[in-house]
Amino acid sequence: MRIKSFIVLCFLIFLSACKKDKNSSPVQLHTDYSPIEEGRYVIYESTEITHDAAVNQHDTLTFLLKTKIGSIYVDNEGRAAREFLRFISLDTGLTWQLSDTWTTILDGNKLELVEENQRVVKLLFAPTIDKVWDINAYNSFPKQNASYSSIHTPRSINGNNFDSTITVKQADFFSLVDYQKQNEVYAKGVGMVSKYFKDLIIANFDTLNVLKGKELYYNCISFGLE
């Protein structure tokens, strides 16, 4: 009798576990923070500043940058990859010139971008505040950890209101001679909508006394599918 009761109890526990598994919600990776649908594009107001005090160079270039998801192909590791096309306009969008053809890949829970033949890990899904990853895990550059400084937050950029964005902190370092501050913002259904990049050699803790380095600023002005 005790054996029979034990069998019944085990059967009830099994049914309960099955019911929990059936009713549990699937894990949301939120990969739509960087959609890779063909034809998806984003246009940015862009500023690039190059510093070299040794030759009295502090040059500023302003332009429009357009990124667009291109056709699909199989990369050298047998993965489905997408062309990541970059166009530049110096005349407020009247004409566009193709400047780069990079590659973007959604590999499991990682979004990768192959830029200038260097493979970097841009995003790690699902986004959570405690996630940390090495951007340069698959290239020869030094280790550079990234993390999320905000997740699923609304944001407005150039009059575009985004209901849900994530911010990736890529660098935040300050010393006597170095100043590095880099982050990217991604919006659901759009992709990257903002980029802030400073990698500078400075003098005596003074971030305004720049000896050498580069600054980049991208801010989304429009996006869509074509």
C-alpha atoms as a PDB file:
ATOM      1  CA  MET A   1       0.000   0.000   0.000  1.00  0.00           C
ATOM      2  CA  ARG A   2       2.864   2.365   0.867  1.00  0.00           C
ATOM      3  CA  ILE A   3       4.575   1.549  -2.465  1.00  0.00           C
ATOM      4  CA  LYS A   4       1.379   2.338  -4.360  1.00  0.00           C
ATOM      5  CA  SER A   5       1.000   5.681  -2.536  1.00  0.00           C
ATOM      6  CA  PHE A   6       4.624   6.523  -3.308  1.00  0.00           C
ATOM      7  CA  ILE A   7       4.105   5.815  -7.027  1.00  0.00           C
ATOM      8  CA  VAL A   8       1.001   8.019  -7.084  1.00  0.00           C
ATOM      9  CA  LEU A   9       2.917  10.828  -5.338  1.00  0.00           C
ATOM     10  CA  CYS A  10       5.777  10.629  -7.865  1.00  0.00           C
ATOM     11  CA  PHE A  11       3.270  10.723 -10.725  1.00  0.00           C
ATOM     12  CA  LEU A  12       1.604  13.859  -9.310  1.00  0.00           C
ATOM     13  CA  ILE A  13       4.993  15.585  -8.910  1.00  0.00           C
ATOM     14  CA  PHE A  14       5.834  14.700 -12.524  1.00  0.00           C
ATOM     15  CA  LEU A  15       2.549  16.158 -13.783  1.00  0.00           C
ATOM     16  CA  SER A  16       3.128  19.331 -11.771  1.00  0.00           C
ATOM     17  CA  ALA A  17       6.604  19.772 -13.248  1.00  0.00           C
ATOM     18  CA  CYS A  18       5.291  19.275 -16.771  1.00  0.00           C
ATOM     19  CA  LYS A  19       2.590  21.857 -16.185  1.00  0.00           C
ATOM     20  CA  LYS A  20       5.134  24.401 -14.954  1.00  0.00           C
ATOM     21  CA  ASP A  21       7.355  23.845 -18.010  1.00  0.00           C
ATOM     22  CA  LYS A  22       4.366  24.199 -20.326  1.00  0.00           C
ATOM     23  CA  ASN A  23       3.213  27.449 -18.725  1.00  0.00           C
ATOM     24  CA  SER A  24       6.657  29.035 -18.351  1.00  0.00           C
ATOM     25  CA  SER A  25       7.360  31.956 -20.677  1.00  0.00           C
ATOM     26  CA  PRO A  26      10.182  31.612 -23.227  1.00  0.00           C
ATOM     27  CA  VAL A  27      13.303  33.650 -22.575  1.00  0.00           C
ATOM     28  CA  GLN A  28      13.226  36.968 -24.428  1.00  0.00           C
ATOM     29  CA  LEU A  29      16.618  37.724 -25.985  1.00  0.00           C
ATOM     30  CA  HIS A  30      15.529  41.138 -27.344  1.00  0.00           C
ATOM     31  CA  THR A  31      17.609  40.725 -30.495  1.00  0.00           C
ATOM     32  CA  ASP A  32      15.364  43.347 -32.127  1.00  0.00           C
ATOM     33  CA  TYR A  33      17.635  45.989 -30.593  1.00  0.00           C
ATOM     34  CA  SER A  34      19.724  45.383 -33.697  1.00  0.00           C
ATOM     35  CA  PRO A  35      17.481  44.108 -36.512  1.00  0.00           C
ATOM     36  CA  ILE A  36      19.349  42.604 -39.464  1.00  0.00           C
ATOM     37  CA  GLU A  37      16.497  42.644 -41.972  1.00  0.00           C
ATOM     38  CA  GLU A  38      17.665  43.396 -45.513  1.00  0.00           C
ATOM     39  CA  GLY A  39      17.071  47.025 -46.417  1.00  0.00           C
ATOM     40  CA  ARG A  40      16.959  48.268 -42.826  1.00  0.00           C
ATOM     41  CA  TYR A  41      18.817  51.600 -42.632  1.00  0.00           C
ATOM     42  CA  VAL A  42      19.749  54.374 -40.189  1.00  0.00           C
ATOM     43  CA  ILE A  43      21.022  57.854 -41.069  1.00  0.00           C
ATOM     44  CA  TYR A  44      23.173  59.823 -38.613  1.00  0.00           C
ATOM     45  CA  GLU A  45      24.414  63.348 -38.190  1.00  0.00           C
ATOM     46  CA  SER A  46      28.098  62.649 -37.770  1.00  0.00           C
ATOM     47  CA  THR A  47      31.149  64.523 -36.521  1.00  0.00           C
ATOM     48  CA  GLU A  48      34.710  63.230 -36.659  1.00  0.00           C
ATOM     49  CA  ILE A  49      37.554  65.142 -34.977  1.00  0.00           C
ATOM     50  CA  THR A  50      41.224  64.225 -35.462  1.00  0.00           C
ATOM     51  CA  HIS A  51      43.880  65.619 -33.112  1.00  0.00           C
ATOM     52  CA  ASP A  52      47.652  65.811 -33.512  1.00  0.00           C
ATOM     53  CA  ALA A  53      49.121  68.733 -31.605  1.00  0.00           C
ATOM     54  CA  ALA A  54      52.623  67.934 -32.867  1.00  0.00           C
ATOM     55  CA  VAL A  55      51.614  69.202 -36.320  1.00  0.00           C
ATOM     56  CA  ASN A  56      48.995  71.645 -34.989  1.00  0.00           C
ATOM     57  CA  GLN A  57      46.147  69.499 -36.333  1.00  0.00           C
ATOM     58  CA  HIS A  58      42.671  69.600 -34.813  1.00  0.00           C
ATOM     59  CA  ASP A  59      40.490  68.864 -37.829  1.00  0.00           C
ATOM     60  CA  THR A  60      36.701  68.541 -37.698  1.00  0.00           C
ATOM     61  CA  LEU A  61      34.656  66.820 -40.392  1.00  0.00           C
ATOM     62  CA  THR A  62      30.855  66.847 -40.367  1.00  0.00           C
ATOM     63  CA  PHE A  63      28.862  64.581 -42.664  1.00  0.00           C
ATOM     64  CA  LEU A  64      25.874  62.275 -42.900  1.00  0.00           C
ATOM     65  CA  LEU A  65      26.447  58.570 -42.374  1.00  0.00           C
ATOM     66  CA  LYS A  66      23.983  55.965 -43.596  1.00  0.00           C
ATOM     67  CA  THR A  67      24.219  52.316 -42.562  1.00  0.00           C
ATOM     68  CA  LYS A  68      22.150  49.704 -44.346  1.00  0.00           C
ATOM     69  CA  ILE A  69      21.692  45.943 -43.993  1.00  0.00           C
ATOM     70  CA  GLY A  70      22.555  44.266 -47.293  1.00  0.00           C
ATOM     71  CA  SER A  71      22.185  40.807 -48.757  1.00  0.00           C
ATOM     72  CA  ILE A  72      22.770  37.527 -46.947  1.00  0.00           C
ATOM     73  CA  TYR A  73      25.701  35.193 -47.595  1.00  0.00           C
ATOM     74  CA  VAL A  74      27.621  32.391 -45.874  1.00  0.00           C
ATOM     75  CA  ASP A  75      30.842  33.469 -44.131  1.00  0.00           C
ATOM     76  CA  ASN A  76      34.074  31.476 -43.874  1.00  0.00           C
ATOM     77  CA  GLU A  77      32.785  29.743 -40.729  1.00  0.00           C
ATOM     78  CA  GLY A  78      29.597  28.564 -42.443  1.00  0.00           C
ATOM     79  CA  ARG A  79      27.387  31.099 -40.668  1.00  0.00           C
ATOM     80  CA  ALA A  80      24.621  33.199 -42.197  1.00  0.00           C
ATOM     81  CA  ALA A  81      25.998  36.732 -42.436  1.00  0.00           C
ATOM     82  CA  ARG A  82      24.669  40.018 -43.745  1.00  0.00           C
ATOM     83  CA  GLU A  83      26.394  42.811 -45.606  1.00  0.00           C
ATOM     84  CA  PHE A  84      26.631  45.940 -43.459  1.00  0.00           C
ATOM     85  CA  LEU A  85      26.895  48.843 -45.898  1.00  0.00           C
ATOM     86  CA  ARG A  86      28.148  52.304 -44.942  1.00  0.00           C
ATOM     87  CA  PHE A  87      27.493  55.356 -47.098  1.00  0.00           C
ATOM     88  CA  ILE A  88      28.733  58.932 -46.602  1.00  0.00           C
ATOM     89  CA  SER A  89      27.172  62.171 -47.828  1.00  0.00           C
ATOM     90  CA  LEU A  90      28.884  65.555 -47.655  1.00  0.00           C
ATOM     91  CA  ASP A  91      25.945  67.404 -49.218  1.00  0.00           C
ATOM     92  CA  THR A  92      23.131  66.728 -46.705  1.00  0.00           C
ATOM     93  CA  GLY A  93      21.990  63.548 -48.388  1.00  0.00           C
ATOM     94  CA  LEU A  94      21.745  64.718 -51.984  1.00  0.00           C
ATOM     95  CA  THR A  95      24.316  62.134 -53.018  1.00  0.00           C
ATOM     96  CA  TRP A  96      25.649  59.086 -51.206  1.00  0.00           C
ATOM     97  CA  GLN A  97      28.994  57.377 -51.677  1.00  0.00           C
ATOM     98  CA  LEU A  98      29.641  53.819 -50.519  1.00  0.00           C
ATOM     99  CA  SER A  99      32.587  53.981 -48.108  1.00  0.00           C
ATOM    100  CA  ASP A 100      32.674  50.503 -46.532  1.00  0.00           C
ATOM    101  CA  THR A 101      31.164  47.053 -46.851  1.00  0.00           C
ATOM    102  CA  TRP A 102      31.354  45.375 -43.464  1.00  0.00           C
ATOM    103  CA  THR A 103      29.623  42.230 -42.169  1.00  0.00           C
ATOM    104  CA  THR A 104      27.096  41.748 -39.385  1.00  0.00           C
ATOM    105  CA  ILE A 105      26.227  38.371 -37.853  1.00  0.00           C
ATOM    106  CA  LEU A 106      23.711  37.304 -35.222  1.00  0.00           C
ATOM    107  CA  ASP A 107      25.415  34.223 -33.767  1.00  0.00           C
ATOM    108  CA  GLY A 108      23.343  32.709 -30.960  1.00  0.00           C
ATOM    109  CA  ASN A 109      23.204  35.377 -28.265  1.00  0.00           C
ATOM    110  CA  LYS A 110      25.938  37.575 -29.796  1.00  0.00           C
ATOM    111  CA  LEU A 111      25.738  40.351 -32.352  1.00  0.00           C
ATOM    112  CA  GLU A 112      29.050  40.602 -34.197  1.00  0.00           C
ATOM    113  CA  LEU A 113      30.335  43.202 -36.633  1.00  0.00           C
ATOM    114  CA  VAL A 114      33.351  42.662 -38.860  1.00  0.00           C
ATOM    115  CA  GLU A 115      34.742  46.142 -39.442  1.00  0.00           C
ATOM    116  CA  GLU A 116      38.014  46.701 -41.325  1.00  0.00           C
ATOM    117  CA  ASN A 117      38.587  42.913 -41.125  1.00  0.00           C
ATOM    118  CA  GLN A 118      38.343  43.012 -37.322  1.00  0.00           C
ATOM    119  CA  ARG A 119      35.571  40.975 -35.699  1.00  0.00           C
ATOM    120  CA  VAL A 120      34.034  42.671 -32.662  1.00  0.00           C
ATOM    121  CA  VAL A 121      31.175  41.664 -30.356  1.00  0.00           C
ATOM    122  CA  LYS A 122      28.791  44.608 -30.278  1.00  0.00           C
ATOM    123  CA  LEU A 123      25.925  43.207 -28.172  1.00  0.00           C
ATOM    124  CA  LEU A 124      25.317  40.248 -25.884  1.00  0.00           C
ATOM    125  CA  PHE A 125      21.705  39.118 -25.517  1.00  0.00           C
ATOM    126  CA  ALA A 126      19.565  39.213 -23.489  1.00  0.00           C
ATOM    127  CA  PRO A 127      20.637  42.650 -22.198  1.00  0.00           C
ATOM    128  CA  THR A 128      20.998  42.798 -18.407  1.00  0.00           C
ATOM    129  CA  ILE A 129      22.908  45.177 -16.169  1.00  0.00           C
ATOM    130  CA  ASP A 130      25.198  42.403 -14.885  1.00  0.00           C
ATOM    131  CA  LYS A 131      26.409  41.237 -18.328  1.00  0.00           C
ATOM    132  CA  VAL A 132      30.073  41.840 -19.187  1.00  0.00           C
ATOM    133  CA  TRP A 133      31.824  40.726 -22.369  1.00  0.00           C
ATOM    134  CA  ASP A 134      35.071  41.277 -24.249  1.00  0.00           C
ATOM    135  CA  ILE A 135      34.468  43.302 -27.410  1.00  0.00           C
ATOM    136  CA  ASN A 136      37.758  42.027 -28.852  1.00  0.00           C
ATOM    137  CA  ALA A 137      37.329  38.348 -27.982  1.00  0.00           C
ATOM    138  CA  TYR A 138      37.760  37.344 -31.649  1.00  0.00           C
ATOM    139  CA  ASN A 139      40.471  39.728 -32.838  1.00  0.00           C
ATOM    140  CA  SER A 140      44.064  40.641 -32.017  1.00  0.00           C
ATOM    141  CA  PHE A 141      43.311  43.861 -30.141  1.00  0.00           C
ATOM    142  CA  PRO A 142      43.761  44.061 -26.332  1.00  0.00           C
ATOM    143  CA  LYS A 143      40.879  42.925 -24.140  1.00  0.00           C
ATOM    144  CA  GLN A 144      38.146  45.560 -23.835  1.00  0.00           C
ATOM    145  CA  ASN A 145      35.197  44.793 -21.608  1.00  0.00           C
ATOM    146  CA  ALA A 146      31.760  46.181 -22.358  1.00  0.00           C
ATOM    147  CA  SER A 147      28.617  46.253 -20.231  1.00  0.00           C
ATOM    148  CA  TYR A 148      25.102  47.696 -20.212  1.00  0.00           C
ATOM    149  CA  SER A 149      24.726  50.959 -18.315  1.00  0.00           C
ATOM    150  CA  SER A 150      20.976  51.179 -18.987  1.00  0.00           C
ATOM    151  CA  ILE A 151      18.388  48.787 -20.401  1.00  0.00           C
ATOM    152  CA  HIS A 152      14.855  49.170 -21.789  1.00  0.00           C
ATOM    153  CA  THR A 153      14.731  52.932 -21.221  1.00  0.00           C
ATOM    154  CA  PRO A 154      12.962  55.553 -23.385  1.00  0.00           C
ATOM    155  CA  ARG A 155      15.128  58.136 -25.121  1.00  0.00           C
ATOM    156  CA  SER A 156      14.755  61.040 -27.558  1.00  0.00           C
ATOM    157  CA  ILE A 157      17.418  61.813 -30.191  1.00  0.00           C
ATOM    158  CA  ASN A 158      17.036  64.596 -32.753  1.00  0.00           C
ATOM    159  CA  GLY A 159      13.270  64.600 -32.286  1.00  0.00           C
ATOM    160  CA  ASN A 160      13.005  60.816 -32.668  1.00  0.00           C
ATOM    161  CA  ASN A 161      11.314  59.257 -29.656  1.00  0.00           C
ATOM    162  CA  PHE A 162      12.345  55.686 -28.892  1.00  0.00           C
ATOM    163  CA  ASP A 163      10.247  53.705 -26.423  1.00  0.00           C
ATOM    164  CA  SER A 164      13.006  51.275 -25.466  1.00  0.00           C
ATOM    165  CA  THR A 165      16.791  51.653 -25.709  1.00  0.00           C
ATOM    166  CA  ILE A 166      19.899  50.033 -24.292  1.00  0.00           C
ATOM    167  CA  THR A 167      23.222  51.769 -23.669  1.00  0.00           C
ATOM    168  CA  VAL A 168      26.497  49.880 -24.046  1.00  0.00           C
ATOM    169  CA  LYS A 169      29.451  51.261 -22.093  1.00  0.00           C
ATOM    170  CA  GLN A 170      32.590  50.326 -24.009  1.00  0.00           C
ATOM    171  CA  ALA A 171      35.225  52.447 -22.278  1.00  0.00           C
ATOM    172  CA  ASP A 172      35.464  54.869 -19.361  1.00  0.00           C
ATOM    173  CA  PHE A 173      39.072  55.625 -18.391  1.00  0.00           C
ATOM    174  CA  PHE A 174      40.777  58.774 -17.167  1.00  0.00           C
ATOM    175  CA  SER A 175      44.394  59.285 -16.157  1.00  0.00           C
ATOM    176  CA  LEU A 176      47.227  61.820 -16.267  1.00  0.00           C
ATOM    177  CA  VAL A 177      47.728  61.278 -20.005  1.00  0.00           C
ATOM    178  CA  ASP A 178      44.749  59.212 -21.251  1.00  0.00           C
ATOM    179  CA  TYR A 179      41.062  59.904 -21.666  1.00  0.00           C
ATOM    180  CA  GLN A 180      38.791  57.216 -23.108  1.00  0.00           C
ATOM    181  CA  LYS A 181      35.018  57.431 -23.051  1.00  0.00           C
ATOM    182  CA  GLN A 182      32.973  55.337 -25.452  1.00  0.00           C
ATOM    183  CA  ASN A 183      29.341  54.230 -25.532  1.00  0.00           C
ATOM    184  CA  GLU A 184      26.647  53.248 -28.023  1.00  0.00           C
ATOM    185  CA  VAL A 185      22.855  53.416 -27.756  1.00  0.00           C
ATOM    186  CA  TYR A 186      20.544  50.932 -29.529  1.00  0.00           C
ATOM    187  CA  ALA A 187      16.775  51.300 -30.009  1.00  0.00           C
ATOM    188  CA  LYS A 188      14.323  48.444 -30.469  1.00  0.00           C
ATOM    189  CA  GLY A 189      13.393  47.863 -34.069  1.00  0.00           C
ATOM    190  CA  VAL A 190      16.011  50.348 -35.287  1.00  0.00           C
ATOM    191  CA  GLY A 191      19.568  49.447 -34.255  1.00  0.00           C
ATOM    192  CA  MET A 192      22.295  51.831 -33.145  1.00  0.00           C
ATOM    193  CA  VAL A 193      20.910  55.354 -32.762  1.00  0.00           C
ATOM    194  CA  SER A 194      23.824  57.105 -31.048  1.00  0.00           C
ATOM    195  CA  LYS A 195      27.584  56.716 -30.714  1.00  0.00           C
ATOM    196  CA  TYR A 196      29.980  58.659 -28.476  1.00  0.00           C
ATOM    197  CA  PHE A 197      33.679  57.900 -28.919  1.00  0.00           C
ATOM    198  CA  LYS A 198      36.728  59.581 -27.424  1.00  0.00           C
ATOM    199  CA  ASP A 199      40.197  58.018 -27.424  1.00  0.00           C
ATOM    200  CA  LEU A 200      42.625  60.803 -26.525  1.00  0.00           C
ATOM    201  CA  ILE A 201      46.118  61.466 -25.248  1.00  0.00           C
ATOM    202  CA  ILE A 202      45.915  64.492 -22.972  1.00  0.00           C
ATOM    203  CA  ALA A 203      48.270  66.608 -20.872  1.00  0.00           C
ATOM    204  CA  ASN A 204      48.221  66.706 -17.081  1.00  0.00           C
ATOM    205  CA  PHE A 205      44.646  65.461 -16.518  1.00  0.00           C
ATOM    206  CA  ASP A 206      43.291  68.226 -18.754  1.00  0.00           C
ATOM    207  CA  THR A 207      40.696  66.759 -21.145  1.00  0.00           C
ATOM    208  CA  LEU A 208      40.665  70.034 -23.105  1.00  0.00           C
ATOM    209  CA  ASN A 209      44.413  69.923 -23.710  1.00  0.00           C
ATOM    210  CA  VAL A 210      44.427  67.161 -26.315  1.00  0.00           C
ATOM    211  CA  LEU A 211      47.743  66.062 -27.771  1.00  0.00           C
ATOM    212  CA  LYS A 212      46.557  63.274 -30.038  1.00  0.00           C
ATOM    213  CA  GLY A 213      43.555  61.075 -30.715  1.00  0.00           C
ATOM    214  CA  LYS A 214      40.118  60.861 -32.253  1.00  0.00           C
ATOM    215  CA  GLU A 215      36.540  61.772 -31.411  1.00  0.00           C
ATOM    216  CA  LEU A 216      33.394  60.429 -33.126  1.00  0.00           C
ATOM    217  CA  TYR A 217      29.783  61.446 -32.574  1.00  0.00           C
ATOM    218  CA  TYR A 218      26.825  59.805 -34.372  1.00  0.00           C
ATOM    219  CA  ASN A 219      23.212  60.769 -33.691  1.00  0.00           C
ATOM    220  CA  CYS A 220      20.265  59.272 -35.573  1.00  0.00           C
ATOM    221  CA  ILE A 221      18.158  61.638 -37.672  1.00  0.00           C
ATOM    222  CA  SER A 222      16.078  59.094 -39.607  1.00  0.00           C
ATOM    223  CA  PHE A 223      15.600  55.364 -40.109  1.00  0.00           C
ATOM    224  CA  GLY A 224      13.450  52.923 -42.004  1.00  0.00           C
ATOM    225  CA  LEU A 225      13.283  50.113 -44.520  1.00  0.00           C
ATOM    226  CA  GLU A 226      13.938  50.408 -48.246  1.00  0.00           C
END
